[in-house]
Amino acid sequence: MKIQNSKLKIKNSKEGFTLFETIVALSVLIFAVTGPLTLAAYAIHSATYAQNQITAFYLAQEALEYIKNWRDKNALNGASEWLDGLGSCRGGKGCVVDIPNDKVKNCPGNDPCPKIKYDSVTGFYNYETGSETPFIREVKLRDIVSGREAKVEVIVSWQEKFGSRLFTIEENIFNWP
């Protein structure tokens, strides 16, 4: 029986990743992480925009209902002018309607109307108490048929991170009595 002397062969191999493999792996990892993060950021922006859009709609609708209520109050009280007390809003001039405080005021000069405040204690938007919001509400009344029909335009604007936004609602109201 012959016994052979076997020599062990030692491989001279380097274990690990090459620089190219590392770059490819990092690229795949970066794409896998940035996709969901970008989607999450877009979702947050869209949710904020939707919340502001809904708030603007309600602020505009509130002012419109207040003007219609004012008209009805004048009619029921027998006022000589059906839009009595709303002169600061008429003729295309802008006015602010402070509903909780039952006030209608001119917007100051050529400046934009003031920002609405939110009172977290009462839960109401107004112009006197609370923290300032990004919303500006302007109400305009234009006579269409003198003494019979007027157009109410409520413009709510606000500034967001990606630009300014605007919501407008219009309705024609009539002298009903």
N, C-alpha and C. Protein backbone atom coordinates (compact mmCIF):
# COMPACT_ATOMS: atom_id res chain seq x y z
N MET A 1 0.81 -1.14 0.00
CA MET A 1 0.00 0.00 0.00
C MET A 1 0.88 1.24 0.00
N LYS A 2 0.48 2.06 -0.87
CA LYS A 2 1.25 3.27 -1.03
C LYS A 2 0.55 4.41 -0.32
N ILE A 3 1.23 5.15 0.39
CA ILE A 3 0.69 6.33 1.05
C ILE A 3 1.26 7.54 0.33
N GLN A 4 0.35 8.30 -0.13
CA GLN A 4 0.79 9.49 -0.82
C GLN A 4 0.79 10.66 0.14
N ASN A 5 1.74 11.41 -0.07
CA ASN A 5 1.87 12.61 0.72
C ASN A 5 1.07 13.72 0.02
N SER A 6 -0.05 14.05 0.58
CA SER A 6 -0.85 15.10 -0.05
C SER A 6 -0.51 16.46 0.57
N LYS A 7 -0.39 17.36 -0.29
CA LYS A 7 -0.10 18.72 0.17
C LYS A 7 -1.38 19.50 0.19
N LEU A 8 -1.55 20.18 1.23
CA LEU A 8 -2.72 21.04 1.33
C LEU A 8 -2.50 22.30 0.52
N LYS A 9 -3.51 22.60 -0.28
CA LYS A 9 -3.42 23.81 -1.08
C LYS A 9 -4.12 24.93 -0.31
N ILE A 10 -3.42 25.95 -0.14
CA ILE A 10 -3.98 27.11 0.55
C ILE A 10 -4.35 28.14 -0.51
N LYS A 11 -5.65 28.51 -0.47
CA LYS A 11 -6.14 29.52 -1.41
C LYS A 11 -5.74 30.90 -0.94
N ASN A 12 -5.39 31.69 -1.84
CA ASN A 12 -5.08 33.07 -1.54
C ASN A 12 -6.27 33.92 -2.00
N SER A 13 -7.40 33.83 -1.28
CA SER A 13 -8.60 34.59 -1.68
C SER A 13 -8.88 35.66 -0.64
N LYS A 14 -9.45 36.74 -1.13
CA LYS A 14 -9.84 37.83 -0.25
C LYS A 14 -11.35 37.79 -0.11
N GLU A 15 -11.82 37.70 1.08
CA GLU A 15 -13.25 37.64 1.33
C GLU A 15 -13.77 39.04 1.60
N GLY A 16 -15.03 39.35 1.17
CA GLY A 16 -15.63 40.65 1.40
C GLY A 16 -16.17 41.23 0.11
N PHE A 17 -16.63 42.47 0.21
CA PHE A 17 -17.25 43.14 -0.92
C PHE A 17 -16.22 44.04 -1.62
N THR A 18 -16.41 44.14 -2.89
CA THR A 18 -15.59 45.10 -3.63
C THR A 18 -16.24 46.47 -3.48
N LEU A 19 -15.54 47.47 -3.90
CA LEU A 19 -16.07 48.83 -3.82
C LEU A 19 -17.31 48.98 -4.68
N PHE A 20 -17.30 48.38 -5.85
CA PHE A 20 -18.46 48.45 -6.74
C PHE A 20 -19.68 47.79 -6.11
N GLU A 21 -19.51 46.64 -5.52
CA GLU A 21 -20.63 45.94 -4.86
C GLU A 21 -21.19 46.77 -3.71
N THR A 22 -20.33 47.43 -2.99
CA THR A 22 -20.76 48.27 -1.87
C THR A 22 -21.59 49.46 -2.38
N ILE A 23 -21.14 50.07 -3.46
CA ILE A 23 -21.88 51.21 -4.02
C ILE A 23 -23.25 50.76 -4.52
N VAL A 24 -23.31 49.63 -5.17
CA VAL A 24 -24.59 49.11 -5.66
C VAL A 24 -25.52 48.80 -4.48
N ALA A 25 -25.02 48.20 -3.46
CA ALA A 25 -25.84 47.86 -2.29
C ALA A 25 -26.36 49.12 -1.60
N LEU A 26 -25.51 50.14 -1.47
CA LEU A 26 -25.95 51.40 -0.86
C LEU A 26 -27.00 52.10 -1.73
N SER A 27 -26.83 52.04 -3.04
CA SER A 27 -27.82 52.66 -3.94
C SER A 27 -29.17 52.00 -3.79
N VAL A 28 -29.19 50.68 -3.76
CA VAL A 28 -30.46 49.96 -3.58
C VAL A 28 -31.09 50.32 -2.24
N LEU A 29 -30.29 50.41 -1.20
CA LEU A 29 -30.80 50.77 0.13
C LEU A 29 -31.36 52.19 0.16
N ILE A 30 -30.67 53.11 -0.49
CA ILE A 30 -31.13 54.51 -0.53
C ILE A 30 -32.46 54.61 -1.26
N PHE A 31 -32.58 53.93 -2.40
CA PHE A 31 -33.84 53.96 -3.14
C PHE A 31 -34.96 53.30 -2.34
N ALA A 32 -34.65 52.26 -1.62
CA ALA A 32 -35.67 51.57 -0.82
C ALA A 32 -36.16 52.45 0.33
N VAL A 33 -35.32 53.32 0.86
CA VAL A 33 -35.70 54.17 1.99
C VAL A 33 -36.34 55.48 1.51
N THR A 34 -35.80 56.09 0.47
CA THR A 34 -36.32 57.40 0.04
C THR A 34 -37.70 57.33 -0.58
N GLY A 35 -38.05 56.25 -1.21
CA GLY A 35 -39.39 56.11 -1.79
C GLY A 35 -40.49 56.27 -0.76
N PRO A 36 -40.49 55.46 0.29
CA PRO A 36 -41.53 55.62 1.32
C PRO A 36 -41.46 56.96 2.06
N LEU A 37 -40.25 57.50 2.26
CA LEU A 37 -40.15 58.80 2.94
C LEU A 37 -40.74 59.91 2.08
N THR A 38 -40.50 59.87 0.78
CA THR A 38 -41.09 60.86 -0.13
C THR A 38 -42.60 60.73 -0.14
N LEU A 39 -43.09 59.53 -0.17
CA LEU A 39 -44.53 59.30 -0.15
C LEU A 39 -45.14 59.80 1.16
N ALA A 40 -44.48 59.57 2.27
CA ALA A 40 -44.97 60.05 3.57
C ALA A 40 -45.00 61.57 3.61
N ALA A 41 -43.97 62.23 3.10
CA ALA A 41 -43.93 63.69 3.08
C ALA A 41 -45.05 64.25 2.21
N TYR A 42 -45.29 63.63 1.07
CA TYR A 42 -46.37 64.06 0.19
C TYR A 42 -47.73 63.86 0.86
N ALA A 43 -47.90 62.77 1.57
CA ALA A 43 -49.16 62.50 2.28
C ALA A 43 -49.41 63.54 3.37
N ILE A 44 -48.38 63.93 4.08
CA ILE A 44 -48.53 64.95 5.13
C ILE A 44 -48.90 66.29 4.51
N HIS A 45 -48.25 66.65 3.41
CA HIS A 45 -48.56 67.90 2.71
C HIS A 45 -50.00 67.88 2.21
N SER A 46 -50.43 66.76 1.64
CA SER A 46 -51.80 66.66 1.13
C SER A 46 -52.82 66.74 2.26
N ALA A 47 -52.54 66.13 3.39
CA ALA A 47 -53.46 66.17 4.53
C ALA A 47 -53.58 67.59 5.07
N THR A 48 -52.46 68.31 5.14
CA THR A 48 -52.49 69.70 5.60
C THR A 48 -53.28 70.58 4.64
N TYR A 49 -53.05 70.38 3.35
CA TYR A 49 -53.77 71.16 2.35
C TYR A 49 -55.28 70.87 2.44
N ALA A 50 -55.64 69.61 2.58
CA ALA A 50 -57.06 69.25 2.68
C ALA A 50 -57.70 69.87 3.93
N GLN A 51 -56.98 69.85 5.04
CA GLN A 51 -57.50 70.44 6.28
C GLN A 51 -57.71 71.95 6.10
N ASN A 52 -56.75 72.63 5.50
CA ASN A 52 -56.89 74.07 5.26
C ASN A 52 -58.01 74.37 4.27
N GLN A 53 -58.16 73.54 3.25
CA GLN A 53 -59.21 73.74 2.27
C GLN A 53 -60.59 73.59 2.92
N ILE A 54 -60.75 72.62 3.78
CA ILE A 54 -62.03 72.43 4.48
C ILE A 54 -62.31 73.60 5.42
N THR A 55 -61.29 74.05 6.14
CA THR A 55 -61.46 75.19 7.04
C THR A 55 -61.84 76.43 6.25
N ALA A 56 -61.20 76.66 5.11
CA ALA A 56 -61.52 77.81 4.26
C ALA A 56 -62.95 77.73 3.76
N PHE A 57 -63.40 76.55 3.38
CA PHE A 57 -64.77 76.38 2.93
C PHE A 57 -65.76 76.75 4.04
N TYR A 58 -65.51 76.26 5.24
CA TYR A 58 -66.43 76.55 6.35
C TYR A 58 -66.41 78.03 6.73
N LEU A 59 -65.24 78.66 6.69
CA LEU A 59 -65.16 80.09 6.99
C LEU A 59 -65.93 80.91 5.94
N ALA A 60 -65.81 80.52 4.69
CA ALA A 60 -66.54 81.22 3.63
C ALA A 60 -68.05 81.01 3.77
N GLN A 61 -68.44 79.78 4.01
CA GLN A 61 -69.87 79.48 4.16
C GLN A 61 -70.46 80.20 5.37
N GLU A 62 -69.68 80.28 6.45
CA GLU A 62 -70.13 80.97 7.66
C GLU A 62 -70.42 82.45 7.38
N ALA A 63 -69.52 83.10 6.65
CA ALA A 63 -69.71 84.52 6.32
C ALA A 63 -70.91 84.72 5.41
N LEU A 64 -71.08 83.83 4.46
CA LEU A 64 -72.22 83.92 3.55
C LEU A 64 -73.54 83.77 4.32
N GLU A 65 -73.60 82.83 5.22
CA GLU A 65 -74.81 82.63 6.02
C GLU A 65 -75.07 83.83 6.94
N TYR A 66 -74.00 84.44 7.43
CA TYR A 66 -74.14 85.61 8.29
C TYR A 66 -74.77 86.77 7.51
N ILE A 67 -74.32 86.98 6.28
CA ILE A 67 -74.87 88.06 5.44
C ILE A 67 -76.34 87.78 5.15
N LYS A 68 -76.68 86.54 4.83
CA LYS A 68 -78.09 86.20 4.58
C LYS A 68 -78.93 86.38 5.84
N ASN A 69 -78.37 86.03 6.98
CA ASN A 69 -79.07 86.22 8.25
C ASN A 69 -79.28 87.71 8.53
N TRP A 70 -78.28 88.53 8.20
CA TRP A 70 -78.38 89.98 8.39
C TRP A 70 -79.53 90.54 7.53
N ARG A 71 -79.59 90.07 6.28
CA ARG A 71 -80.68 90.48 5.38
C ARG A 71 -82.03 90.09 5.98
N ASP A 72 -82.15 88.86 6.49
CA ASP A 72 -83.40 88.40 7.07
C ASP A 72 -83.78 89.20 8.31
N LYS A 73 -82.78 89.51 9.12
CA LYS A 73 -83.03 90.31 10.33
C LYS A 73 -83.55 91.69 9.95
N ASN A 74 -82.98 92.31 8.93
CA ASN A 74 -83.46 93.61 8.46
C ASN A 74 -84.91 93.52 7.98
N ALA A 75 -85.23 92.46 7.26
CA ALA A 75 -86.59 92.30 6.74
C ALA A 75 -87.58 92.10 7.88
N LEU A 76 -87.22 91.29 8.86
CA LEU A 76 -88.13 91.01 9.97
C LEU A 76 -88.29 92.20 10.91
N ASN A 77 -87.27 93.04 11.00
CA ASN A 77 -87.34 94.22 11.86
C ASN A 77 -87.93 95.43 11.14
N GLY A 78 -88.26 95.29 9.86
CA GLY A 78 -88.86 96.38 9.10
C GLY A 78 -87.90 97.49 8.76
N ALA A 79 -86.63 97.17 8.56
CA ALA A 79 -85.63 98.18 8.20
C ALA A 79 -85.97 98.76 6.83
N SER A 80 -85.66 100.04 6.65
CA SER A 80 -85.97 100.70 5.39
C SER A 80 -85.10 100.18 4.24
N GLU A 81 -83.91 99.74 4.53
CA GLU A 81 -82.97 99.21 3.53
C GLU A 81 -82.71 97.75 3.85
N TRP A 82 -82.87 96.87 2.89
CA TRP A 82 -82.75 95.43 3.14
C TRP A 82 -81.34 94.98 3.47
N LEU A 83 -80.32 95.76 3.10
CA LEU A 83 -78.94 95.45 3.45
C LEU A 83 -78.37 96.50 4.41
N ASP A 84 -79.25 97.07 5.22
CA ASP A 84 -78.86 98.09 6.18
C ASP A 84 -77.81 97.52 7.15
N GLY A 85 -76.74 98.27 7.39
CA GLY A 85 -75.67 97.84 8.29
C GLY A 85 -74.54 97.12 7.58
N LEU A 86 -74.69 96.88 6.28
CA LEU A 86 -73.64 96.19 5.52
C LEU A 86 -72.97 97.12 4.51
N GLY A 87 -73.08 98.42 4.74
CA GLY A 87 -72.52 99.41 3.82
C GLY A 87 -71.03 99.28 3.61
N SER A 88 -70.32 98.83 4.62
CA SER A 88 -68.86 98.70 4.48
C SER A 88 -68.48 97.58 3.53
N CYS A 89 -69.41 96.69 3.21
CA CYS A 89 -69.13 95.58 2.29
C CYS A 89 -69.60 95.87 0.87
N ARG A 90 -70.35 96.93 0.69
CA ARG A 90 -71.00 97.18 -0.59
C ARG A 90 -70.11 97.95 -1.56
N GLY A 91 -70.46 97.82 -2.83
CA GLY A 91 -69.75 98.55 -3.87
C GLY A 91 -68.40 97.97 -4.21
N GLY A 92 -68.19 96.70 -3.93
CA GLY A 92 -66.92 96.07 -4.28
C GLY A 92 -65.83 96.25 -3.26
N LYS A 93 -66.10 97.04 -2.21
CA LYS A 93 -65.12 97.19 -1.14
C LYS A 93 -65.15 95.92 -0.28
N GLY A 94 -64.03 95.59 0.29
CA GLY A 94 -63.99 94.42 1.14
C GLY A 94 -64.26 94.78 2.59
N CYS A 95 -64.90 93.86 3.30
CA CYS A 95 -65.12 94.04 4.73
C CYS A 95 -64.85 92.72 5.44
N VAL A 96 -64.70 92.82 6.75
CA VAL A 96 -64.56 91.62 7.57
C VAL A 96 -65.83 91.43 8.38
N VAL A 97 -66.20 90.19 8.55
CA VAL A 97 -67.40 89.84 9.30
C VAL A 97 -66.94 89.06 10.52
N ASP A 98 -67.05 89.69 11.68
CA ASP A 98 -66.66 89.05 12.94
C ASP A 98 -67.93 88.48 13.57
N ILE A 99 -68.21 87.25 13.30
CA ILE A 99 -69.50 86.65 13.64
C ILE A 99 -69.71 86.48 15.15
N PRO A 100 -68.77 85.93 15.91
CA PRO A 100 -69.03 85.80 17.35
C PRO A 100 -69.24 87.13 18.06
N ASN A 101 -68.61 88.19 17.55
CA ASN A 101 -68.75 89.51 18.16
C ASN A 101 -69.80 90.37 17.45
N ASP A 102 -70.47 89.82 16.44
CA ASP A 102 -71.54 90.47 15.70
C ASP A 102 -71.13 91.85 15.19
N LYS A 103 -69.99 91.88 14.45
CA LYS A 103 -69.46 93.13 13.92
C LYS A 103 -69.14 92.99 12.44
N VAL A 104 -69.40 94.06 11.69
CA VAL A 104 -69.02 94.16 10.29
C VAL A 104 -68.18 95.42 10.17
N LYS A 105 -66.91 95.27 9.70
CA LYS A 105 -66.00 96.40 9.61
C LYS A 105 -65.33 96.44 8.24
N ASN A 106 -64.92 97.65 7.85
CA ASN A 106 -64.14 97.82 6.62
C ASN A 106 -62.78 97.16 6.78
N CYS A 107 -62.24 96.69 5.65
CA CYS A 107 -60.84 96.30 5.64
C CYS A 107 -60.04 97.60 5.65
N PRO A 108 -58.93 97.64 6.38
CA PRO A 108 -58.20 98.90 6.54
C PRO A 108 -57.54 99.39 5.27
N GLY A 109 -58.03 100.49 4.72
CA GLY A 109 -57.39 101.18 3.58
C GLY A 109 -57.09 100.28 2.41
N ASN A 110 -55.88 100.41 1.89
CA ASN A 110 -55.44 99.58 0.77
C ASN A 110 -54.79 98.29 1.25
N ASP A 111 -54.66 98.13 2.55
CA ASP A 111 -54.07 96.92 3.11
C ASP A 111 -55.05 95.77 2.97
N PRO A 112 -54.52 94.55 2.98
CA PRO A 112 -55.45 93.42 2.96
C PRO A 112 -56.19 93.33 4.29
N CYS A 113 -57.28 92.62 4.28
CA CYS A 113 -58.05 92.41 5.51
C CYS A 113 -57.17 91.68 6.52
N PRO A 114 -57.45 91.85 7.81
CA PRO A 114 -56.62 91.19 8.83
C PRO A 114 -56.84 89.69 8.85
N LYS A 115 -55.88 88.98 9.42
CA LYS A 115 -55.99 87.53 9.57
C LYS A 115 -57.00 87.20 10.66
N ILE A 116 -57.68 86.10 10.48
CA ILE A 116 -58.65 85.62 11.46
C ILE A 116 -57.89 84.97 12.61
N LYS A 117 -58.43 85.12 13.81
CA LYS A 117 -57.86 84.47 14.98
C LYS A 117 -58.74 83.30 15.39
N TYR A 118 -58.12 82.31 16.03
CA TYR A 118 -58.86 81.16 16.53
C TYR A 118 -58.76 81.14 18.05
N ASP A 119 -59.90 81.19 18.70
CA ASP A 119 -59.96 81.15 20.16
C ASP A 119 -60.17 79.70 20.58
N SER A 120 -59.13 79.08 21.12
CA SER A 120 -59.20 77.66 21.49
C SER A 120 -60.11 77.43 22.70
N VAL A 121 -60.38 78.46 23.47
CA VAL A 121 -61.27 78.31 24.63
C VAL A 121 -62.72 78.15 24.16
N THR A 122 -63.15 79.03 23.26
CA THR A 122 -64.52 78.98 22.77
C THR A 122 -64.67 78.09 21.54
N GLY A 123 -63.58 77.90 20.79
CA GLY A 123 -63.64 77.11 19.57
C GLY A 123 -64.14 77.90 18.38
N PHE A 124 -64.15 79.25 18.48
CA PHE A 124 -64.66 80.11 17.40
C PHE A 124 -63.53 80.89 16.74
N TYR A 125 -63.74 81.19 15.47
CA TYR A 125 -62.85 82.09 14.74
C TYR A 125 -63.41 83.50 14.90
N ASN A 126 -62.52 84.47 15.15
CA ASN A 126 -62.95 85.86 15.33
C ASN A 126 -61.77 86.76 15.00
N TYR A 127 -61.93 88.05 15.30
CA TYR A 127 -60.86 89.02 15.01
C TYR A 127 -60.29 89.68 16.26
N GLU A 128 -60.73 89.26 17.45
CA GLU A 128 -60.30 89.95 18.67
C GLU A 128 -59.45 89.10 19.59
N THR A 129 -59.80 87.85 19.83
CA THR A 129 -59.08 87.03 20.80
C THR A 129 -58.60 85.73 20.18
N GLY A 130 -57.53 85.19 20.74
CA GLY A 130 -57.02 83.91 20.30
C GLY A 130 -55.73 84.04 19.52
N SER A 131 -55.31 82.93 18.96
CA SER A 131 -54.06 82.92 18.19
C SER A 131 -54.36 83.16 16.71
N GLU A 132 -53.44 83.84 16.06
CA GLU A 132 -53.61 84.20 14.65
C GLU A 132 -53.51 82.96 13.77
N THR A 133 -54.41 82.87 12.81
CA THR A 133 -54.39 81.78 11.83
C THR A 133 -53.84 82.31 10.51
N PRO A 134 -53.59 81.44 9.55
CA PRO A 134 -53.12 81.94 8.25
C PRO A 134 -54.24 82.46 7.36
N PHE A 135 -55.49 82.37 7.81
CA PHE A 135 -56.64 82.67 6.96
C PHE A 135 -57.02 84.15 6.99
N ILE A 136 -57.29 84.68 5.79
CA ILE A 136 -57.82 86.05 5.62
C ILE A 136 -59.16 85.90 4.91
N ARG A 137 -60.20 86.48 5.50
CA ARG A 137 -61.54 86.40 4.91
C ARG A 137 -62.01 87.79 4.54
N GLU A 138 -62.46 87.95 3.31
CA GLU A 138 -62.95 89.23 2.81
C GLU A 138 -64.34 89.01 2.20
N VAL A 139 -65.27 89.88 2.57
CA VAL A 139 -66.64 89.78 2.07
C VAL A 139 -66.92 91.02 1.22
N LYS A 140 -67.52 90.78 0.04
CA LYS A 140 -67.88 91.87 -0.86
C LYS A 140 -69.34 91.72 -1.27
N LEU A 141 -70.06 92.85 -1.32
CA LEU A 141 -71.44 92.89 -1.79
C LEU A 141 -71.52 93.81 -3.00
N ARG A 142 -72.14 93.33 -4.07
CA ARG A 142 -72.33 94.15 -5.27
C ARG A 142 -73.81 94.12 -5.63
N ASP A 143 -74.39 95.30 -5.85
CA ASP A 143 -75.78 95.37 -6.28
C ASP A 143 -75.89 94.89 -7.72
N ILE A 144 -76.84 94.00 -7.96
CA ILE A 144 -77.11 93.55 -9.32
C ILE A 144 -78.35 94.28 -9.85
N VAL A 145 -79.44 94.19 -9.11
CA VAL A 145 -80.64 94.96 -9.39
C VAL A 145 -80.90 95.78 -8.13
N SER A 146 -80.76 97.08 -8.25
CA SER A 146 -80.83 97.96 -7.08
C SER A 146 -82.10 97.71 -6.27
N GLY A 147 -81.91 97.43 -5.00
CA GLY A 147 -83.03 97.22 -4.09
C GLY A 147 -83.66 95.85 -4.16
N ARG A 148 -83.19 94.99 -5.07
CA ARG A 148 -83.83 93.68 -5.21
C ARG A 148 -82.87 92.50 -5.18
N GLU A 149 -81.66 92.68 -5.71
CA GLU A 149 -80.73 91.56 -5.83
C GLU A 149 -79.31 92.05 -5.63
N ALA A 150 -78.52 91.24 -4.91
CA ALA A 150 -77.11 91.57 -4.69
C ALA A 150 -76.29 90.28 -4.77
N LYS A 151 -75.06 90.43 -5.19
CA LYS A 151 -74.12 89.30 -5.23
C LYS A 151 -73.21 89.38 -4.01
N VAL A 152 -73.15 88.29 -3.28
CA VAL A 152 -72.25 88.18 -2.13
C VAL A 152 -71.07 87.34 -2.57
N GLU A 153 -69.87 87.87 -2.37
CA GLU A 153 -68.64 87.15 -2.69
C GLU A 153 -67.79 87.09 -1.43
N VAL A 154 -67.43 85.87 -1.05
CA VAL A 154 -66.57 85.67 0.12
C VAL A 154 -65.29 85.02 -0.37
N ILE A 155 -64.17 85.67 -0.05
CA ILE A 155 -62.85 85.19 -0.48
C ILE A 155 -62.05 84.85 0.77
N VAL A 156 -61.63 83.62 0.86
CA VAL A 156 -60.76 83.18 1.96
C VAL A 156 -59.42 82.81 1.35
N SER A 157 -58.37 83.45 1.81
CA SER A 157 -57.03 83.17 1.30
C SER A 157 -56.12 82.80 2.47
N TRP A 158 -55.09 82.05 2.16
CA TRP A 158 -54.11 81.67 3.17
C TRP A 158 -52.80 81.33 2.50
N GLN A 159 -51.73 81.40 3.27
CA GLN A 159 -50.38 81.13 2.80
C GLN A 159 -49.96 79.77 3.33
N GLU A 160 -49.47 78.93 2.44
CA GLU A 160 -48.91 77.64 2.83
C GLU A 160 -47.43 77.60 2.51
N LYS A 161 -46.80 76.53 2.87
CA LYS A 161 -45.37 76.37 2.63
C LYS A 161 -45.04 76.43 1.15
N PHE A 162 -45.93 75.90 0.31
CA PHE A 162 -45.66 75.81 -1.12
C PHE A 162 -46.42 76.85 -1.93
N GLY A 163 -46.88 77.92 -1.30
CA GLY A 163 -47.53 78.99 -2.05
C GLY A 163 -48.83 79.45 -1.40
N SER A 164 -49.43 80.44 -2.01
CA SER A 164 -50.68 80.98 -1.46
C SER A 164 -51.86 80.25 -2.08
N ARG A 165 -52.92 80.13 -1.32
CA ARG A 165 -54.14 79.45 -1.74
C ARG A 165 -55.31 80.40 -1.61
N LEU A 166 -56.37 80.10 -2.34
CA LEU A 166 -57.54 80.97 -2.38
C LEU A 166 -58.79 80.13 -2.55
N PHE A 167 -59.82 80.47 -1.79
CA PHE A 167 -61.12 79.82 -1.94
C PHE A 167 -62.17 80.92 -2.03
N THR A 168 -63.01 80.87 -3.05
CA THR A 168 -64.03 81.89 -3.25
C THR A 168 -65.39 81.22 -3.37
N ILE A 169 -66.38 81.82 -2.73
CA ILE A 169 -67.75 81.36 -2.84
C ILE A 169 -68.62 82.57 -3.16
N GLU A 170 -69.56 82.41 -4.08
CA GLU A 170 -70.44 83.50 -4.48
C GLU A 170 -71.88 83.01 -4.45
N GLU A 171 -72.77 83.94 -4.12
CA GLU A 171 -74.19 83.63 -4.16
C GLU A 171 -74.96 84.93 -4.35
N ASN A 172 -76.02 84.86 -5.12
CA ASN A 172 -76.91 86.00 -5.28
C ASN A 172 -78.00 85.91 -4.22
N ILE A 173 -78.22 87.01 -3.54
CA ILE A 173 -79.29 87.05 -2.55
C ILE A 173 -80.34 88.07 -3.01
N PHE A 174 -81.57 87.87 -2.53
CA PHE A 174 -82.69 88.68 -2.98
C PHE A 174 -83.38 89.33 -1.80
N ASN A 175 -83.99 90.48 -2.06
CA ASN A 175 -84.82 91.17 -1.07
C ASN A 175 -86.17 90.47 -1.09
N TRP A 176 -86.42 89.62 -0.12
CA TRP A 176 -87.57 88.73 -0.17
C TRP A 176 -88.90 89.25 0.34
N PRO A 177 -89.00 90.29 1.18
CA PRO A 177 -90.36 90.62 1.65
C PRO A 177 -91.19 91.31 0.60
